[in-house]
Amino acid sequence: PNLDDGYIERSDLDGANRKTIIPKGVTYTPKQ
């Protein structure tokens, strides 16, 4: 939290094709 390094990811349902869609610096501590 104090580093402001939260981010959001997406993948296929089996975990393949993982990618960051909201990078660090856009959101602080993303929750639900």
PDB file of all heavy atoms in Angstrom:
ATOM      1  N   PRO A   1       0.783  -1.241   0.000  1.00  0.00           N
ATOM      2  CA  PRO A   1       0.000   0.000   0.000  1.00  0.00           C
ATOM      3  C   PRO A   1       0.813   1.288   0.000  1.00  0.00           C
ATOM      4  O   PRO A   1       0.497   2.215  -0.746  1.00  0.00           O
ATOM      5  CB  PRO A   1      -0.855  -0.133   1.262  1.00  0.00           C
ATOM      6  CG  PRO A   1      -1.039  -1.599   1.422  1.00  0.00           C
ATOM      7  CD  PRO A   1       0.267  -2.205   0.987  1.00  0.00           C
ATOM      8  N   ASN A   2       1.875   1.372   0.801  1.00  0.00           N
ATOM      9  CA  ASN A   2       2.602   2.641   0.864  1.00  0.00           C
ATOM     10  C   ASN A   2       3.496   2.887  -0.345  1.00  0.00           C
ATOM     11  O   ASN A   2       4.128   3.941  -0.455  1.00  0.00           O
ATOM     12  CB  ASN A   2       3.425   2.738   2.154  1.00  0.00           C
ATOM     13  CG  ASN A   2       4.510   1.669   2.253  1.00  0.00           C
ATOM     14  OD1 ASN A   2       4.597   0.797   1.400  1.00  0.00           O
ATOM     15  ND2 ASN A   2       5.315   1.744   3.295  1.00  0.00           N
ATOM     16  N   LEU A   3       3.539   1.926  -1.263  1.00  0.00           N
ATOM     17  CA  LEU A   3       4.340   2.089  -2.476  1.00  0.00           C
ATOM     18  C   LEU A   3       3.515   2.505  -3.687  1.00  0.00           C
ATOM     19  O   LEU A   3       4.074   2.771  -4.752  1.00  0.00           O
ATOM     20  CB  LEU A   3       5.094   0.785  -2.786  1.00  0.00           C
ATOM     21  CG  LEU A   3       6.115   0.322  -1.754  1.00  0.00           C
ATOM     22  CD1 LEU A   3       6.817  -0.948  -2.242  1.00  0.00           C
ATOM     23  CD2 LEU A   3       7.137   1.415  -1.454  1.00  0.00           C
ATOM     24  N   ASP A   4       2.201   2.539  -3.547  1.00  0.00           N
ATOM     25  CA  ASP A   4       1.327   2.908  -4.671  1.00  0.00           C
ATOM     26  C   ASP A   4       1.648   2.057  -5.900  1.00  0.00           C
ATOM     27  O   ASP A   4       1.852   2.570  -7.001  1.00  0.00           O
ATOM     28  CB  ASP A   4       1.480   4.399  -4.999  1.00  0.00           C
ATOM     29  CG  ASP A   4       0.471   4.896  -6.033  1.00  0.00           C
ATOM     30  OD1 ASP A   4      -0.475   4.143  -6.362  1.00  0.00           O
ATOM     31  OD2 ASP A   4       0.630   6.031  -6.522  1.00  0.00           O
ATOM     32  N   ASP A   5       1.693   0.726  -5.709  1.00  0.00           N
ATOM     33  CA  ASP A   5       2.107  -0.156  -6.798  1.00  0.00           C
ATOM     34  C   ASP A   5       1.045  -1.205  -7.138  1.00  0.00           C
ATOM     35  O   ASP A   5       1.375  -2.256  -7.700  1.00  0.00           O
ATOM     36  CB  ASP A   5       3.438  -0.828  -6.467  1.00  0.00           C
ATOM     37  CG  ASP A   5       3.356  -1.741  -5.241  1.00  0.00           C
ATOM     38  OD1 ASP A   5       2.342  -1.686  -4.526  1.00  0.00           O
ATOM     39  OD2 ASP A   5       4.311  -2.515  -5.012  1.00  0.00           O
ATOM     40  N   GLY A   6      -0.210  -0.948  -6.804  1.00  0.00           N
ATOM     41  CA  GLY A   6      -1.275  -1.883  -7.156  1.00  0.00           C
ATOM     42  C   GLY A   6      -1.562  -1.877  -8.649  1.00  0.00           C
ATOM     43  O   GLY A   6      -1.300  -0.887  -9.345  1.00  0.00           O
ATOM     44  N   TYR A   7      -2.118  -2.993  -9.148  1.00  0.00           N
ATOM     45  CA  TYR A   7      -2.466  -3.074 -10.565  1.00  0.00           C
ATOM     46  C   TYR A   7      -3.509  -4.163 -10.776  1.00  0.00           C
ATOM     47  O   TYR A   7      -3.831  -4.918  -9.854  1.00  0.00           O
ATOM     48  CB  TYR A   7      -1.227  -3.308 -11.429  1.00  0.00           C
ATOM     49  CG  TYR A   7      -0.423  -4.548 -11.117  1.00  0.00           C
ATOM     50  CD1 TYR A   7      -0.509  -5.678 -11.919  1.00  0.00           C
ATOM     51  CD2 TYR A   7       0.458  -4.578 -10.036  1.00  0.00           C
ATOM     52  CE1 TYR A   7       0.245  -6.822 -11.651  1.00  0.00           C
ATOM     53  CE2 TYR A   7       1.222  -5.705  -9.764  1.00  0.00           C
ATOM     54  CZ  TYR A   7       1.110  -6.830 -10.568  1.00  0.00           C
ATOM     55  OH  TYR A   7       1.847  -7.947 -10.299  1.00  0.00           O
ATOM     56  N   ILE A   8      -4.044  -4.251 -11.994  1.00  0.00           N
ATOM     57  CA  ILE A   8      -5.106  -5.211 -12.327  1.00  0.00           C
ATOM     58  C   ILE A   8      -4.657  -6.044 -13.514  1.00  0.00           C
ATOM     59  O   ILE A   8      -4.107  -5.511 -14.495  1.00  0.00           O
ATOM     60  CB  ILE A   8      -6.428  -4.487 -12.632  1.00  0.00           C
ATOM     61  CG1 ILE A   8      -6.878  -3.682 -11.413  1.00  0.00           C
ATOM     62  CG2 ILE A   8      -7.523  -5.495 -13.039  1.00  0.00           C
ATOM     63  CD1 ILE A   8      -8.139  -2.857 -11.640  1.00  0.00           C
ATOM     64  N   GLU A   9      -4.915  -7.356 -13.425  1.00  0.00           N
ATOM     65  CA  GLU A   9      -4.518  -8.276 -14.483  1.00  0.00           C
ATOM     66  C   GLU A   9      -5.715  -9.038 -15.045  1.00  0.00           C
ATOM     67  O   GLU A   9      -6.784  -9.103 -14.424  1.00  0.00           O
ATOM     68  CB  GLU A   9      -3.496  -9.288 -13.947  1.00  0.00           C
ATOM     69  CG  GLU A   9      -2.170  -8.688 -13.552  1.00  0.00           C
ATOM     70  CD  GLU A   9      -1.159  -9.757 -13.182  1.00  0.00           C
ATOM     71  OE1 GLU A   9      -0.517 -10.314 -14.100  1.00  0.00           O
ATOM     72  OE2 GLU A   9      -1.032 -10.052 -11.976  1.00  0.00           O
ATOM     73  N   ARG A  10      -5.478  -9.643 -16.206  1.00  0.00           N
ATOM     74  CA  ARG A  10      -6.468 -10.500 -16.864  1.00  0.00           C
ATOM     75  C   ARG A  10      -5.755 -11.709 -17.451  1.00  0.00           C
ATOM     76  O   ARG A  10      -4.612 -11.615 -17.892  1.00  0.00           O
ATOM     77  CB  ARG A  10      -7.172  -9.727 -17.992  1.00  0.00           C
ATOM     78  CG  ARG A  10      -8.296 -10.507 -18.675  1.00  0.00           C
ATOM     79  CD  ARG A  10      -8.810  -9.754 -19.894  1.00  0.00           C
ATOM     80  NE  ARG A  10      -7.873  -9.853 -21.015  1.00  0.00           N
ATOM     81  CZ  ARG A  10      -7.944  -9.093 -22.118  1.00  0.00           C
ATOM     82  NH1 ARG A  10      -8.886  -8.160 -22.229  1.00  0.00           N
ATOM     83  NH2 ARG A  10      -7.071  -9.251 -23.092  1.00  0.00           N
ATOM     84  N   SER A  11      -6.450 -12.862 -17.427  1.00  0.00           N
ATOM     85  CA  SER A  11      -5.912 -14.054 -18.085  1.00  0.00           C
ATOM     86  C   SER A  11      -7.072 -14.878 -18.616  1.00  0.00           C
ATOM     87  O   SER A  11      -8.242 -14.584 -18.350  1.00  0.00           O
ATOM     88  CB  SER A  11      -5.063 -14.888 -17.116  1.00  0.00           C
ATOM     89  OG  SER A  11      -5.897 -15.642 -16.239  1.00  0.00           O
ATOM     90  N   ASP A  12      -6.740 -15.936 -19.347  1.00  0.00           N
ATOM     91  CA  ASP A  12      -7.745 -16.933 -19.695  1.00  0.00           C
ATOM     92  C   ASP A  12      -8.137 -17.687 -18.422  1.00  0.00           C
ATOM     93  O   ASP A  12      -7.458 -17.606 -17.397  1.00  0.00           O
ATOM     94  CB  ASP A  12      -7.201 -17.913 -20.731  1.00  0.00           C
ATOM     95  CG  ASP A  12      -6.899 -17.247 -22.065  1.00  0.00           C
ATOM     96  OD1 ASP A  12      -7.367 -16.115 -22.291  1.00  0.00           O
ATOM     97  OD2 ASP A  12      -6.165 -17.866 -22.868  1.00  0.00           O
ATOM     98  N   LEU A  13      -9.212 -18.449 -18.494  1.00  0.00           N
ATOM     99  CA  LEU A  13      -9.709 -19.137 -17.305  1.00  0.00           C
ATOM    100  C   LEU A  13      -8.742 -20.175 -16.757  1.00  0.00           C
ATOM    101  O   LEU A  13      -8.822 -20.534 -15.578  1.00  0.00           O
ATOM    102  CB  LEU A  13     -11.060 -19.789 -17.609  1.00  0.00           C
ATOM    103  CG  LEU A  13     -12.191 -18.829 -17.988  1.00  0.00           C
ATOM    104  CD1 LEU A  13     -13.454 -19.609 -18.310  1.00  0.00           C
ATOM    105  CD2 LEU A  13     -12.457 -17.816 -16.885  1.00  0.00           C
ATOM    106  N   ASP A  14      -7.829 -20.640 -17.580  1.00  0.00           N
ATOM    107  CA  ASP A  14      -6.836 -21.611 -17.118  1.00  0.00           C
ATOM    108  C   ASP A  14      -5.519 -20.951 -16.726  1.00  0.00           C
ATOM    109  O   ASP A  14      -4.541 -21.627 -16.430  1.00  0.00           O
ATOM    110  CB  ASP A  14      -6.587 -22.681 -18.176  1.00  0.00           C
ATOM    111  CG  ASP A  14      -6.049 -22.102 -19.486  1.00  0.00           C
ATOM    112  OD1 ASP A  14      -5.868 -20.871 -19.576  1.00  0.00           O
ATOM    113  OD2 ASP A  14      -5.814 -22.894 -20.426  1.00  0.00           O
ATOM    114  N   GLY A  15      -5.492 -19.607 -16.727  1.00  0.00           N
ATOM    115  CA  GLY A  15      -4.288 -18.877 -16.358  1.00  0.00           C
ATOM    116  C   GLY A  15      -3.390 -18.511 -17.517  1.00  0.00           C
ATOM    117  O   GLY A  15      -2.401 -17.787 -17.324  1.00  0.00           O
ATOM    118  N   ALA A  16      -3.702 -18.962 -18.712  1.00  0.00           N
ATOM    119  CA  ALA A  16      -2.884 -18.642 -19.882  1.00  0.00           C
ATOM    120  C   ALA A  16      -3.159 -17.209 -20.353  1.00  0.00           C
ATOM    121  O   ALA A  16      -4.152 -16.588 -19.986  1.00  0.00           O
ATOM    122  CB  ALA A  16      -3.171 -19.630 -21.006  1.00  0.00           C
ATOM    123  N   ASN A  17      -2.248 -16.708 -21.179  1.00  0.00           N
ATOM    124  CA  ASN A  17      -2.388 -15.380 -21.798  1.00  0.00           C
ATOM    125  C   ASN A  17      -2.587 -14.276 -20.761  1.00  0.00           C
ATOM    126  O   ASN A  17      -3.443 -13.404 -20.900  1.00  0.00           O
ATOM    127  CB  ASN A  17      -3.531 -15.376 -22.812  1.00  0.00           C
ATOM    128  CG  ASN A  17      -3.285 -16.316 -23.966  1.00  0.00           C
ATOM    129  OD1 ASN A  17      -2.189 -16.342 -24.533  1.00  0.00           O
ATOM    130  ND2 ASN A  17      -4.283 -17.117 -24.308  1.00  0.00           N
ATOM    131  N   ARG A  18      -1.755 -14.324 -19.753  1.00  0.00           N
ATOM    132  CA  ARG A  18      -1.829 -13.343 -18.656  1.00  0.00           C
ATOM    133  C   ARG A  18      -1.287 -11.987 -19.111  1.00  0.00           C
ATOM    134  O   ARG A  18      -0.245 -11.916 -19.784  1.00  0.00           O
ATOM    135  CB  ARG A  18      -1.017 -13.874 -17.486  1.00  0.00           C
ATOM    136  CG  ARG A  18      -0.948 -12.990 -16.265  1.00  0.00           C
ATOM    137  CD  ARG A  18      -0.192 -13.706 -15.175  1.00  0.00           C
ATOM    138  NE  ARG A  18      -0.077 -12.937 -13.954  1.00  0.00           N
ATOM    139  CZ  ARG A  18       0.445 -13.414 -12.829  1.00  0.00           C
ATOM    140  NH1 ARG A  18       0.904 -14.665 -12.789  1.00  0.00           N
ATOM    141  NH2 ARG A  18       0.519 -12.639 -11.747  1.00  0.00           N
ATOM    142  N   LYS A  19      -1.991 -10.925 -18.729  1.00  0.00           N
ATOM    143  CA  LYS A  19      -1.512  -9.593 -19.086  1.00  0.00           C
ATOM    144  C   LYS A  19      -2.012  -8.567 -18.072  1.00  0.00           C
ATOM    145  O   LYS A  19      -3.061  -8.728 -17.449  1.00  0.00           O
ATOM    146  CB  LYS A  19      -1.976  -9.201 -20.491  1.00  0.00           C
ATOM    147  CG  LYS A  19      -3.472  -9.017 -20.645  1.00  0.00           C
ATOM    148  CD  LYS A  19      -3.856  -8.621 -22.074  1.00  0.00           C
ATOM    149  CE  LYS A  19      -3.288  -7.283 -22.459  1.00  0.00           C
ATOM    150  NZ  LYS A  19      -3.777  -6.826 -23.792  1.00  0.00           N
ATOM    151  N   THR A  20      -1.255  -7.508 -17.899  1.00  0.00           N
ATOM    152  CA  THR A  20      -1.647  -6.389 -17.056  1.00  0.00           C
ATOM    153  C   THR A  20      -2.498  -5.437 -17.878  1.00  0.00           C
ATOM    154  O   THR A  20      -2.086  -5.016 -18.965  1.00  0.00           O
ATOM    155  CB  THR A  20      -0.412  -5.653 -16.511  1.00  0.00           C
ATOM    156  OG1 THR A  20       0.326  -6.537 -15.675  1.00  0.00           O
ATOM    157  CG2 THR A  20      -0.827  -4.428 -15.707  1.00  0.00           C
ATOM    158  N   ILE A  21      -3.684  -5.092 -17.368  1.00  0.00           N
ATOM    159  CA  ILE A  21      -4.547  -4.168 -18.104  1.00  0.00           C
ATOM    160  C   ILE A  21      -4.621  -2.796 -17.435  1.00  0.00           C
ATOM    161  O   ILE A  21      -4.836  -1.793 -18.113  1.00  0.00           O
ATOM    162  CB  ILE A  21      -5.969  -4.747 -18.301  1.00  0.00           C
ATOM    163  CG1 ILE A  21      -6.639  -5.011 -16.953  1.00  0.00           C
ATOM    164  CG2 ILE A  21      -5.931  -6.006 -19.156  1.00  0.00           C
ATOM    165  CD1 ILE A  21      -8.132  -5.238 -17.081  1.00  0.00           C
ATOM    166  N   ILE A  22      -4.470  -2.751 -16.105  1.00  0.00           N
ATOM    167  CA  ILE A  22      -4.354  -1.473 -15.388  1.00  0.00           C
ATOM    168  C   ILE A  22      -2.991  -1.470 -14.725  1.00  0.00           C
ATOM    169  O   ILE A  22      -2.752  -2.182 -13.748  1.00  0.00           O
ATOM    170  CB  ILE A  22      -5.465  -1.297 -14.339  1.00  0.00           C
ATOM    171  CG1 ILE A  22      -6.850  -1.307 -14.996  1.00  0.00           C
ATOM    172  CG2 ILE A  22      -5.259  -0.019 -13.540  1.00  0.00           C
ATOM    173  CD1 ILE A  22      -7.139  -0.104 -15.881  1.00  0.00           C
ATOM    174  N   PRO A  23      -2.040  -0.697 -15.235  1.00  0.00           N
ATOM    175  CA  PRO A  23      -0.675  -0.765 -14.737  1.00  0.00           C
ATOM    176  C   PRO A  23      -0.477  -0.020 -13.416  1.00  0.00           C
ATOM    177  O   PRO A  23      -1.352   0.738 -12.968  1.00  0.00           O
ATOM    178  CB  PRO A  23       0.135  -0.106 -15.857  1.00  0.00           C
ATOM    179  CG  PRO A  23      -0.827   0.861 -16.474  1.00  0.00           C
ATOM    180  CD  PRO A  23      -2.183   0.200 -16.392  1.00  0.00           C
ATOM    181  N   LYS A  24       0.657  -0.249 -12.811  1.00  0.00           N
ATOM    182  CA  LYS A  24       1.017   0.480 -11.601  1.00  0.00           C
ATOM    183  C   LYS A  24       1.004   1.986 -11.879  1.00  0.00           C
ATOM    184  O   LYS A  24       1.415   2.428 -12.953  1.00  0.00           O
ATOM    185  CB  LYS A  24       2.412   0.057 -11.120  1.00  0.00           C
ATOM    186  CG  LYS A  24       2.516  -1.407 -10.733  1.00  0.00           C
ATOM    187  CD  LYS A  24       3.933  -1.774 -10.351  1.00  0.00           C
ATOM    188  CE  LYS A  24       4.061  -3.256 -10.008  1.00  0.00           C
ATOM    189  NZ  LYS A  24       5.447  -3.632  -9.633  1.00  0.00           N
ATOM    190  N   GLY A  25       0.536   2.731 -10.907  1.00  0.00           N
ATOM    191  CA  GLY A  25       0.479   4.172 -11.064  1.00  0.00           C
ATOM    192  C   GLY A  25      -0.874   4.699 -11.470  1.00  0.00           C
ATOM    193  O   GLY A  25      -1.150   5.897 -11.314  1.00  0.00           O
ATOM    194  N   VAL A  26      -1.743   3.823 -11.983  1.00  0.00           N
ATOM    195  CA  VAL A  26      -3.095   4.248 -12.366  1.00  0.00           C
ATOM    196  C   VAL A  26      -4.050   4.090 -11.203  1.00  0.00           C
ATOM    197  O   VAL A  26      -4.923   4.929 -10.968  1.00  0.00           O
ATOM    198  CB  VAL A  26      -3.586   3.444 -13.590  1.00  0.00           C
ATOM    199  CG1 VAL A  26      -5.044   3.803 -13.929  1.00  0.00           C
ATOM    200  CG2 VAL A  26      -2.692   3.711 -14.790  1.00  0.00           C
ATOM    201  N   THR A  27      -3.889   2.997 -10.463  1.00  0.00           N
ATOM    202  CA  THR A  27      -4.691   2.754  -9.270  1.00  0.00           C
ATOM    203  C   THR A  27      -3.740   2.465  -8.118  1.00  0.00           C
ATOM    204  O   THR A  27      -2.658   1.912  -8.324  1.00  0.00           O
ATOM    205  CB  THR A  27      -5.677   1.604  -9.495  1.00  0.00           C
ATOM    206  OG1 THR A  27      -6.531   1.449  -8.364  1.00  0.00           O
ATOM    207  CG2 THR A  27      -4.967   0.298  -9.784  1.00  0.00           C
ATOM    208  N   TYR A  28      -4.126   2.838  -6.908  1.00  0.00           N
ATOM    209  CA  TYR A  28      -3.226   2.761  -5.758  1.00  0.00           C
ATOM    210  C   TYR A  28      -3.272   1.377  -5.100  1.00  0.00           C
ATOM    211  O   TYR A  28      -2.296   0.623  -5.120  1.00  0.00           O
ATOM    212  CB  TYR A  28      -3.631   3.837  -4.748  1.00  0.00           C
ATOM    213  CG  TYR A  28      -2.542   4.315  -3.825  1.00  0.00           C
ATOM    214  CD1 TYR A  28      -2.031   5.600  -3.930  1.00  0.00           C
ATOM    215  CD2 TYR A  28      -2.036   3.498  -2.823  1.00  0.00           C
ATOM    216  CE1 TYR A  28      -1.044   6.057  -3.074  1.00  0.00           C
ATOM    217  CE2 TYR A  28      -1.047   3.935  -1.955  1.00  0.00           C
ATOM    218  CZ  TYR A  28      -0.552   5.223  -2.088  1.00  0.00           C
ATOM    219  OH  TYR A  28       0.423   5.671  -1.232  1.00  0.00           O
ATOM    220  N   THR A  29      -4.417   1.044  -4.506  1.00  0.00           N
ATOM    221  CA  THR A  29      -4.608  -0.249  -3.832  1.00  0.00           C
ATOM    222  C   THR A  29      -5.944  -0.834  -4.268  1.00  0.00           C
ATOM    223  O   THR A  29      -6.927  -0.757  -3.537  1.00  0.00           O
ATOM    224  CB  THR A  29      -4.602  -0.078  -2.292  1.00  0.00           C
ATOM    225  OG1 THR A  29      -3.602   0.844  -1.916  1.00  0.00           O
ATOM    226  CG2 THR A  29      -4.378  -1.417  -1.597  1.00  0.00           C
ATOM    227  N   PRO A  30      -6.041  -1.427  -5.461  1.00  0.00           N
ATOM    228  CA  PRO A  30      -7.322  -1.912  -5.948  1.00  0.00           C
ATOM    229  C   PRO A  30      -7.857  -3.073  -5.109  1.00  0.00           C
ATOM    230  O   PRO A  30      -7.110  -3.990  -4.762  1.00  0.00           O
ATOM    231  CB  PRO A  30      -7.019  -2.344  -7.385  1.00  0.00           C
ATOM    232  CG  PRO A  30      -5.550  -2.664  -7.377  1.00  0.00           C
ATOM    233  CD  PRO A  30      -4.942  -1.712  -6.400  1.00  0.00           C
ATOM    234  N   LYS A  31      -9.126  -3.019  -4.795  1.00  0.00           N
ATOM    235  CA  LYS A  31      -9.759  -4.005  -3.919  1.00  0.00           C
ATOM    236  C   LYS A  31     -10.798  -4.811  -4.712  1.00  0.00           C
ATOM    237  O   LYS A  31     -10.468  -5.396  -5.729  1.00  0.00           O
ATOM    238  CB  LYS A  31     -10.367  -3.297  -2.711  1.00  0.00           C
ATOM    239  CG  LYS A  31      -9.327  -2.591  -1.838  1.00  0.00           C
ATOM    240  CD  LYS A  31      -8.470  -3.564  -1.048  1.00  0.00           C
ATOM    241  CE  LYS A  31      -9.218  -4.144   0.112  1.00  0.00           C
ATOM    242  NZ  LYS A  31      -8.424  -5.094   0.903  1.00  0.00           N
ATOM    243  N   GLN A  32     -12.052  -4.834  -4.263  1.00  0.00           N
ATOM    244  CA  GLN A  32     -13.052  -5.617  -4.986  1.00  0.00           C
ATOM    245  C   GLN A  32     -13.256  -5.042  -6.387  1.00  0.00           C
ATOM    246  O   GLN A  32     -13.192  -3.818  -6.597  1.00  0.00           O
ATOM    247  CB  GLN A  32     -14.384  -5.637  -4.237  1.00  0.00           C
ATOM    248  CG  GLN A  32     -15.382  -6.632  -4.841  1.00  0.00           C
ATOM    249  CD  GLN A  32     -16.713  -6.685  -4.111  1.00  0.00           C
ATOM    250  OE1 GLN A  32     -17.042  -5.817  -3.306  1.00  0.00           O
ATOM    251  NE2 GLN A  32     -17.492  -7.708  -4.395  1.00  0.00           N
TER     252      GLN A  32
END
